[in-house]
């Protein structure tokens, strides 16, 4: 059971890191939006936005899987404590 709790704590730390990385992506998107809004040819900016958006979506998907794993593990720990 101690091993499961240790894994759960590791998942919590990974979740926090993913949330921080997603927040960074969101901030980068805002900055790029501001930068390209004054440009006559936003094509490069659009490519950068798309790349950052893709990274953010990949992180969101990873977060979804991590939350599922964490939830399943929390349920196992709860059952073992009962």
PDB file of N, CA and C in Angstrom:
ATOM      1  N   UNK A   1       0.826  -1.195   0.000  1.00  0.00           N
ATOM      2  CA  UNK A   1       0.000   0.000   0.000  1.00  0.00           C
ATOM      3  C   UNK A   1       0.867   1.254   0.000  1.00  0.00           C
ATOM      4  N   UNK A   2       2.002   1.214   0.702  1.00  0.00           N
ATOM      5  CA  UNK A   2       2.895   2.366   0.711  1.00  0.00           C
ATOM      6  C   UNK A   2       3.396   2.684  -0.697  1.00  0.00           C
ATOM      7  N   UNK A   3       3.613   1.645  -1.490  1.00  0.00           N
ATOM      8  CA  UNK A   3       4.070   1.838  -2.874  1.00  0.00           C
ATOM      9  C   UNK A   3       2.996   2.550  -3.689  1.00  0.00           C
ATOM     10  N   UNK A   4       1.739   2.177  -3.450  1.00  0.00           N
ATOM     11  CA  UNK A   4       0.639   2.827  -4.192  1.00  0.00           C
ATOM     12  C   UNK A   4       0.514   4.293  -3.790  1.00  0.00           C
ATOM     13  N   UNK A   5       0.689   4.577  -2.525  1.00  0.00           N
ATOM     14  CA  UNK A   5       0.614   5.967  -2.062  1.00  0.00           C
ATOM     15  C   UNK A   5       1.762   6.767  -2.657  1.00  0.00           C
ATOM     16  N   UNK A   6       2.915   6.165  -2.740  1.00  0.00           N
ATOM     17  CA  UNK A   6       4.072   6.824  -3.336  1.00  0.00           C
ATOM     18  C   UNK A   6       3.822   7.128  -4.818  1.00  0.00           C
ATOM     19  N   UNK A   7       3.238   6.175  -5.524  1.00  0.00           N
ATOM     20  CA  UNK A   7       2.904   6.381  -6.938  1.00  0.00           C
ATOM     21  C   UNK A   7       1.864   7.490  -7.066  1.00  0.00           C
ATOM     22  N   UNK A   8       0.881   7.486  -6.171  1.00  0.00           N
ATOM     23  CA  UNK A   8      -0.153   8.525  -6.194  1.00  0.00           C
ATOM     24  C   UNK A   8       0.468   9.908  -6.002  1.00  0.00           C
ATOM     25  N   UNK A   9       1.375  10.022  -5.056  1.00  0.00           N
ATOM     26  CA  UNK A   9       2.039  11.304  -4.805  1.00  0.00           C
ATOM     27  C   UNK A   9       2.853  11.747  -6.029  1.00  0.00           C
ATOM     28  N   UNK A  10       3.456  10.787  -6.702  1.00  0.00           N
ATOM     29  CA  UNK A  10       4.205  11.101  -7.919  1.00  0.00           C
ATOM     30  C   UNK A  10       3.253  11.608  -9.010  1.00  0.00           C
ATOM     31  N   UNK A  11       2.088  10.989  -9.106  1.00  0.00           N
ATOM     32  CA  UNK A  11       1.096  11.435 -10.089  1.00  0.00           C
ATOM     33  C   UNK A  11       0.610  12.852  -9.780  1.00  0.00           C
ATOM     34  N   UNK A  12       0.453  13.160  -8.507  1.00  0.00           N
ATOM     35  CA  UNK A  12       0.041  14.514  -8.105  1.00  0.00           C
ATOM     36  C   UNK A  12       1.104  15.524  -8.550  1.00  0.00           C
ATOM     37  N   UNK A  13       2.368  15.201  -8.348  1.00  0.00           N
ATOM     38  CA  UNK A  13       3.457  16.093  -8.763  1.00  0.00           C
ATOM     39  C   UNK A  13       3.480  16.256 -10.281  1.00  0.00           C
ATOM     40  N   UNK A  14       3.269  15.158 -11.010  1.00  0.00           N
ATOM     41  CA  UNK A  14       3.233  15.233 -12.476  1.00  0.00           C
ATOM     42  C   UNK A  14       2.055  16.077 -12.945  1.00  0.00           C
ATOM     43  N   UNK A  15       0.922  15.960 -12.260  1.00  0.00           N
ATOM     44  CA  UNK A  15      -0.257  16.754 -12.613  1.00  0.00           C
ATOM     45  C   UNK A  15       0.029  18.241 -12.442  1.00  0.00           C
ATOM     46  N   UNK A  16       0.667  18.593 -11.337  1.00  0.00           N
ATOM     47  CA  UNK A  16       1.006  20.004 -11.101  1.00  0.00           C
ATOM     48  C   UNK A  16       1.934  20.530 -12.187  1.00  0.00           C
ATOM     49  N   UNK A  17       2.905  19.710 -12.587  1.00  0.00           N
ATOM     50  CA  UNK A  17       3.835  20.117 -13.639  1.00  0.00           C
ATOM     51  C   UNK A  17       3.110  20.296 -14.978  1.00  0.00           C
ATOM     52  N   UNK A  18       2.220  19.382 -15.294  1.00  0.00           N
ATOM     53  CA  UNK A  18       1.455  19.507 -16.535  1.00  0.00           C
ATOM     54  C   UNK A  18       0.589  20.767 -16.529  1.00  0.00           C
ATOM     55  N   UNK A  19      -0.047  21.038 -15.398  1.00  0.00           N
ATOM     56  CA  UNK A  19      -0.884  22.242 -15.295  1.00  0.00           C
ATOM     57  C   UNK A  19      -0.050  23.508 -15.483  1.00  0.00           C
ATOM     58  N   UNK A  20       1.147  23.522 -14.929  1.00  0.00           N
ATOM     59  CA  UNK A  20       2.039  24.668 -15.112  1.00  0.00           C
ATOM     60  C   UNK A  20       2.433  24.818 -16.577  1.00  0.00           C
ATOM     61  N   UNK A  21       2.742  23.714 -17.234  1.00  0.00           N
ATOM     62  CA  UNK A  21       3.133  23.762 -18.638  1.00  0.00           C
ATOM     63  C   UNK A  21       1.982  24.217 -19.524  1.00  0.00           C
ATOM     64  N   UNK A  22       0.767  23.787 -19.202  1.00  0.00           N
ATOM     65  CA  UNK A  22      -0.411  24.232 -19.950  1.00  0.00           C
ATOM     66  C   UNK A  22      -0.609  25.733 -19.764  1.00  0.00           C
ATOM     67  N   UNK A  23      -0.421  26.199 -18.544  1.00  0.00           N
ATOM     68  CA  UNK A  23      -0.535  27.633 -18.264  1.00  0.00           C
ATOM     69  C   UNK A  23       0.507  28.426 -19.041  1.00  0.00           C
ATOM     70  N   UNK A  24       1.715  27.895 -19.145  1.00  0.00           N
ATOM     71  CA  UNK A  24       2.769  28.554 -19.922  1.00  0.00           C
ATOM     72  C   UNK A  24       2.357  28.646 -21.388  1.00  0.00           C
ATOM     73  N   UNK A  25       1.817  27.564 -21.922  1.00  0.00           N
ATOM     74  CA  UNK A  25       1.360  27.577 -23.315  1.00  0.00           C
ATOM     75  C   UNK A  25       0.285  28.642 -23.529  1.00  0.00           C
ATOM     76  N   UNK A  26      -0.656  28.715 -22.595  1.00  0.00           N
ATOM     77  CA  UNK A  26      -1.715  29.715 -22.703  1.00  0.00           C
ATOM     78  C   UNK A  26      -1.134  31.124 -22.692  1.00  0.00           C
ATOM     79  N   UNK A  27      -0.136  31.351 -21.843  1.00  0.00           N
ATOM     80  CA  UNK A  27       0.520  32.662 -21.799  1.00  0.00           C
ATOM     81  C   UNK A  27       1.258  32.961 -23.091  1.00  0.00           C
ATOM     82  N   UNK A  28       1.917  31.960 -23.639  1.00  0.00           N
ATOM     83  CA  UNK A  28       2.638  32.148 -24.907  1.00  0.00           C
ATOM     84  C   UNK A  28       1.672  32.493 -26.034  1.00  0.00           C
ATOM     85  N   UNK A  29       0.533  31.813 -26.052  1.00  0.00           N
ATOM     86  CA  UNK A  29      -0.468  32.101 -27.082  1.00  0.00           C
ATOM     87  C   UNK A  29      -0.936  33.547 -26.974  1.00  0.00           C
ATOM     88  N   UNK A  30      -1.172  34.011 -25.765  1.00  0.00           N
ATOM     89  CA  UNK A  30      -1.600  35.408 -25.573  1.00  0.00           C
ATOM     90  C   UNK A  30      -0.553  36.389 -26.069  1.00  0.00           C
ATOM     91  N   UNK A  31       0.705  36.109 -25.747  1.00  0.00           N
ATOM     92  CA  UNK A  31       1.794  37.000 -26.166  1.00  0.00           C
ATOM     93  C   UNK A  31       1.918  37.023 -27.683  1.00  0.00           C
ATOM     94  N   UNK A  32       1.828  35.852 -28.313  1.00  0.00           N
ATOM     95  CA  UNK A  32       1.939  35.790 -29.774  1.00  0.00           C
ATOM     96  C   UNK A  32       0.759  36.505 -30.416  1.00  0.00           C
ATOM     97  N   UNK A  33      -0.449  36.344 -29.862  1.00  0.00           N
ATOM     98  CA  UNK A  33      -1.613  37.082 -30.368  1.00  0.00           C
ATOM     99  C   UNK A  33      -1.349  38.588 -30.337  1.00  0.00           C
ATOM    100  N   UNK A  34      -0.860  39.067 -29.221  1.00  0.00           N
ATOM    101  CA  UNK A  34      -0.574  40.501 -29.096  1.00  0.00           C
ATOM    102  C   UNK A  34       0.475  40.940 -30.110  1.00  0.00           C
ATOM    103  N   UNK A  35       1.487  40.123 -30.301  1.00  0.00           N
ATOM    104  CA  UNK A  35       2.571  40.464 -31.215  1.00  0.00           C
ATOM    105  C   UNK A  35       2.086  40.529 -32.661  1.00  0.00           C
ATOM    106  N   UNK A  36       1.316  39.538 -33.092  1.00  0.00           N
ATOM    107  CA  UNK A  36       0.923  39.510 -34.501  1.00  0.00           C
ATOM    108  C   UNK A  36      -0.249  40.431 -34.812  1.00  0.00           C
ATOM    109  N   UNK A  37      -0.938  40.904 -33.788  1.00  0.00           N
ATOM    110  CA  UNK A  37      -2.102  41.766 -34.051  1.00  0.00           C
ATOM    111  C   UNK A  37      -1.714  43.063 -34.753  1.00  0.00           C
ATOM    112  N   UNK A  38      -0.486  43.497 -34.563  1.00  0.00           N
ATOM    113  CA  UNK A  38      -0.048  44.732 -35.209  1.00  0.00           C
ATOM    114  C   UNK A  38       0.743  44.511 -36.478  1.00  0.00           C
ATOM    115  N   UNK A  39       0.886  43.274 -36.907  1.00  0.00           N
ATOM    116  CA  UNK A  39       1.684  42.957 -38.087  1.00  0.00           C
ATOM    117  C   UNK A  39       0.798  42.872 -39.327  1.00  0.00           C
ATOM    118  N   UNK A  40       1.389  43.264 -40.474  1.00  0.00           N
ATOM    119  CA  UNK A  40       0.634  43.183 -41.721  1.00  0.00           C
ATOM    120  C   UNK A  40       0.588  41.761 -42.263  1.00  0.00           C
ATOM    121  N   UNK A  41       1.626  40.958 -41.998  1.00  0.00           N
ATOM    122  CA  UNK A  41       1.678  39.583 -42.489  1.00  0.00           C
ATOM    123  C   UNK A  41       1.805  38.630 -41.301  1.00  0.00           C
ATOM    124  N   UNK A  42       0.669  38.193 -40.780  1.00  0.00           N
ATOM    125  CA  UNK A  42       0.703  37.357 -39.565  1.00  0.00           C
ATOM    126  C   UNK A  42       0.950  35.869 -39.836  1.00  0.00           C
ATOM    127  N   UNK A  43       1.382  35.506 -41.049  1.00  0.00           N
ATOM    128  CA  UNK A  43       1.513  34.091 -41.416  1.00  0.00           C
ATOM    129  C   UNK A  43       2.475  33.333 -40.498  1.00  0.00           C
ATOM    130  N   UNK A  44       3.634  33.896 -40.217  1.00  0.00           N
ATOM    131  CA  UNK A  44       4.591  33.227 -39.333  1.00  0.00           C
ATOM    132  C   UNK A  44       4.005  33.111 -37.928  1.00  0.00           C
ATOM    133  N   UNK A  45       3.378  34.174 -37.476  1.00  0.00           N
ATOM    134  CA  UNK A  45       2.743  34.143 -36.157  1.00  0.00           C
ATOM    135  C   UNK A  45       1.669  33.082 -36.077  1.00  0.00           C
ATOM    136  N   UNK A  46       0.938  32.913 -37.173  1.00  0.00           N
ATOM    137  CA  UNK A  46      -0.104  31.889 -37.198  1.00  0.00           C
ATOM    138  C   UNK A  46       0.506  30.489 -37.075  1.00  0.00           C
ATOM    139  N   UNK A  47       1.633  30.286 -37.724  1.00  0.00           N
ATOM    140  CA  UNK A  47       2.330  28.993 -37.622  1.00  0.00           C
ATOM    141  C   UNK A  47       2.799  28.742 -36.192  1.00  0.00           C
ATOM    142  N   UNK A  48       3.301  29.796 -35.563  1.00  0.00           N
ATOM    143  CA  UNK A  48       3.759  29.674 -34.169  1.00  0.00           C
ATOM    144  C   UNK A  48       2.572  29.383 -33.256  1.00  0.00           C
ATOM    145  N   UNK A  49       1.466  30.092 -33.473  1.00  0.00           N
ATOM    146  CA  UNK A  49       0.263  29.841 -32.667  1.00  0.00           C
ATOM    147  C   UNK A  49      -0.212  28.402 -32.820  1.00  0.00           C
ATOM    148  N   UNK A  50      -0.205  27.915 -34.029  1.00  0.00           N
ATOM    149  CA  UNK A  50      -0.643  26.550 -34.274  1.00  0.00           C
ATOM    150  C   UNK A  50       0.267  25.545 -33.567  1.00  0.00           C
ATOM    151  N   UNK A  51       1.565  25.795 -33.618  1.00  0.00           N
ATOM    152  CA  UNK A  51       2.520  24.894 -32.951  1.00  0.00           C
ATOM    153  C   UNK A  51       2.305  24.888 -31.445  1.00  0.00           C
ATOM    154  N   UNK A  52       2.145  26.065 -30.862  1.00  0.00           N
ATOM    155  CA  UNK A  52       1.933  26.152 -29.413  1.00  0.00           C
ATOM    156  C   UNK A  52       0.604  25.497 -29.036  1.00  0.00           C
ATOM    157  N   UNK A  53      -0.413  25.732 -29.859  1.00  0.00           N
ATOM    158  CA  UNK A  53      -1.731  25.139 -29.607  1.00  0.00           C
ATOM    159  C   UNK A  53      -1.646  23.606 -29.643  1.00  0.00           C
ATOM    160  N   UNK A  54      -0.894  23.077 -30.575  1.00  0.00           N
ATOM    161  CA  UNK A  54      -0.713  21.625 -30.675  1.00  0.00           C
ATOM    162  C   UNK A  54      -0.030  21.082 -29.421  1.00  0.00           C
ATOM    163  N   UNK A  55       0.985  21.781 -28.968  1.00  0.00           N
ATOM    164  CA  UNK A  55       1.673  21.376 -27.738  1.00  0.00           C
ATOM    165  C   UNK A  55       0.701  21.398 -26.564  1.00  0.00           C
ATOM    166  N   UNK A  56      -0.089  22.468 -26.472  1.00  0.00           N
ATOM    167  CA  UNK A  56      -1.046  22.587 -25.371  1.00  0.00           C
ATOM    168  C   UNK A  56      -2.066  21.446 -25.399  1.00  0.00           C
ATOM    169  N   UNK A  57      -2.558  21.111 -26.574  1.00  0.00           N
ATOM    170  CA  UNK A  57      -3.534  20.022 -26.686  1.00  0.00           C
ATOM    171  C   UNK A  57      -2.906  18.680 -26.321  1.00  0.00           C
ATOM    172  N   UNK A  58      -1.649  18.465 -26.698  1.00  0.00           N
ATOM    173  CA  UNK A  58      -0.944  17.241 -26.304  1.00  0.00           C
ATOM    174  C   UNK A  58      -0.814  17.166 -24.784  1.00  0.00           C
ATOM    175  N   UNK A  59      -0.505  18.298 -24.167  1.00  0.00           N
ATOM    176  CA  UNK A  59      -0.399  18.339 -22.699  1.00  0.00           C
ATOM    177  C   UNK A  59      -1.758  18.081 -22.052  1.00  0.00           C
ATOM    178  N   UNK A  60      -2.814  18.637 -22.640  1.00  0.00           N
ATOM    179  CA  UNK A  60      -4.169  18.411 -22.113  1.00  0.00           C
ATOM    180  C   UNK A  60      -4.540  16.934 -22.185  1.00  0.00           C
ATOM    181  N   UNK A  61      -4.168  16.282 -23.286  1.00  0.00           N
ATOM    182  CA  UNK A  61      -4.451  14.854 -23.431  1.00  0.00           C
ATOM    183  C   UNK A  61      -3.664  14.046 -22.406  1.00  0.00           C
ATOM    184  N   UNK A  62      -2.401  14.403 -22.227  1.00  0.00           N
ATOM    185  CA  UNK A  62      -1.579  13.732 -21.220  1.00  0.00           C
ATOM    186  C   UNK A  62      -2.168  13.925 -19.830  1.00  0.00           C
ATOM    187  N   UNK A  63      -2.659  15.133 -19.554  1.00  0.00           N
ATOM    188  CA  UNK A  63      -3.283  15.432 -18.266  1.00  0.00           C
ATOM    189  C   UNK A  63      -4.545  14.588 -18.066  1.00  0.00           C
ATOM    190  N   UNK A  64      -5.327  14.432 -19.110  1.00  0.00           N
ATOM    191  CA  UNK A  64      -6.540  13.619 -19.034  1.00  0.00           C
ATOM    192  C   UNK A  64      -6.206  12.175 -18.636  1.00  0.00           C
ATOM    193  N   UNK A  65      -5.201  11.603 -19.298  1.00  0.00           N
ATOM    194  CA  UNK A  65      -4.805  10.227 -18.986  1.00  0.00           C
ATOM    195  C   UNK A  65      -4.240  10.116 -17.567  1.00  0.00           C
ATOM    196  N   UNK A  66      -3.488  11.121 -17.170  1.00  0.00           N
ATOM    197  CA  UNK A  66      -2.916  11.116 -15.823  1.00  0.00           C
ATOM    198  C   UNK A  66      -4.018  11.198 -14.768  1.00  0.00           C
ATOM    199  N   UNK A  67      -5.010  12.056 -15.004  1.00  0.00           N
ATOM    200  CA  UNK A  67      -6.117  12.177 -14.049  1.00  0.00           C
ATOM    201  C   UNK A  67      -6.903  10.873 -13.945  1.00  0.00           C
ATOM    202  N   UNK A  68      -7.065  10.189 -15.064  1.00  0.00           N
ATOM    203  CA  UNK A  68      -7.744   8.897 -15.039  1.00  0.00           C
ATOM    204  C   UNK A  68      -6.943   7.893 -14.217  1.00  0.00           C
ATOM    205  N   UNK A  69      -5.649   7.831 -14.473  1.00  0.00           N
ATOM    206  CA  UNK A  69      -4.786   6.916 -13.728  1.00  0.00           C
ATOM    207  C   UNK A  69      -4.805   7.242 -12.236  1.00  0.00           C
ATOM    208  N   UNK A  70      -4.749   8.523 -11.922  1.00  0.00           N
ATOM    209  CA  UNK A  70      -4.755   8.962 -10.522  1.00  0.00           C
ATOM    210  C   UNK A  70      -6.082   8.597  -9.846  1.00  0.00           C
ATOM    211  N   UNK A  71      -7.173   8.774 -10.560  1.00  0.00           N
ATOM    212  CA  UNK A  71      -8.489   8.456 -10.015  1.00  0.00           C
ATOM    213  C   UNK A  71      -8.635   6.959  -9.750  1.00  0.00           C
ATOM    214  N   UNK A  72      -8.184   6.146 -10.688  1.00  0.00           N
ATOM    215  CA  UNK A  72      -8.259   4.701 -10.503  1.00  0.00           C
ATOM    216  C   UNK A  72      -7.402   4.244  -9.324  1.00  0.00           C
ATOM    217  N   UNK A  73      -6.220   4.828  -9.208  1.00  0.00           N
ATOM    218  CA  UNK A  73      -5.331   4.488  -8.108  1.00  0.00           C
ATOM    219  C   UNK A  73      -5.912   4.934  -6.768  1.00  0.00           C
ATOM    220  N   UNK A  74      -6.504   6.105  -6.732  1.00  0.00           N
ATOM    221  CA  UNK A  74      -7.130   6.593  -5.491  1.00  0.00           C
ATOM    222  C   UNK A  74      -8.246   5.659  -5.060  1.00  0.00           C
ATOM    223  N   UNK A  75      -8.992   5.138  -6.018  1.00  0.00           N
ATOM    224  CA  UNK A  75     -10.060   4.198  -5.687  1.00  0.00           C
ATOM    225  C   UNK A  75      -9.494   2.900  -5.118  1.00  0.00           C
ATOM    226  N   UNK A  76      -8.383   2.404  -5.700  1.00  0.00           N
ATOM    227  CA  UNK A  76      -7.751   1.184  -5.176  1.00  0.00           C
ATOM    228  C   UNK A  76      -7.256   1.394  -3.748  1.00  0.00           C
ATOM    229  N   UNK A  77      -6.648   2.550  -3.499  1.00  0.00           N
ATOM    230  CA  UNK A  77      -6.139   2.856  -2.158  1.00  0.00           C
ATOM    231  C   UNK A  77      -7.308   2.923  -1.169  1.00  0.00           C
ATOM    232  N   UNK A  78      -8.397   3.551  -1.587  1.00  0.00           N
ATOM    233  CA  UNK A  78      -9.574   3.672  -0.727  1.00  0.00           C
ATOM    234  C   UNK A  78     -10.130   2.289  -0.392  1.00  0.00           C
ATOM    235  N   UNK A  79     -10.175   1.404  -1.381  1.00  0.00           N
ATOM    236  CA  UNK A  79     -10.692   0.052  -1.137  1.00  0.00           C
ATOM    237  C   UNK A  79      -9.800  -0.731  -0.193  1.00  0.00           C
ATOM    238  N   UNK A  80      -8.489  -0.539  -0.299  1.00  0.00           N
ATOM    239  CA  UNK A  80      -7.562  -1.235   0.576  1.00  0.00           C
ATOM    240  C   UNK A  80      -7.628  -0.742   2.015  1.00  0.00           C
ATOM    241  N   UNK A  81      -7.950   0.536   2.179  1.00  0.00           N
ATOM    242  CA  UNK A  81      -8.066   1.102   3.535  1.00  0.00           C
ATOM    243  C   UNK A  81      -9.348   0.635   4.223  1.00  0.00           C
ATOM    244  N   UNK A  82     -10.343   0.238   3.443  1.00  0.00           N
ATOM    245  CA  UNK A  82     -11.633  -0.182   4.009  1.00  0.00           C
ATOM    246  C   UNK A  82     -11.553  -1.513   4.688  1.00  0.00           C
TER     247      UNK A  82
END
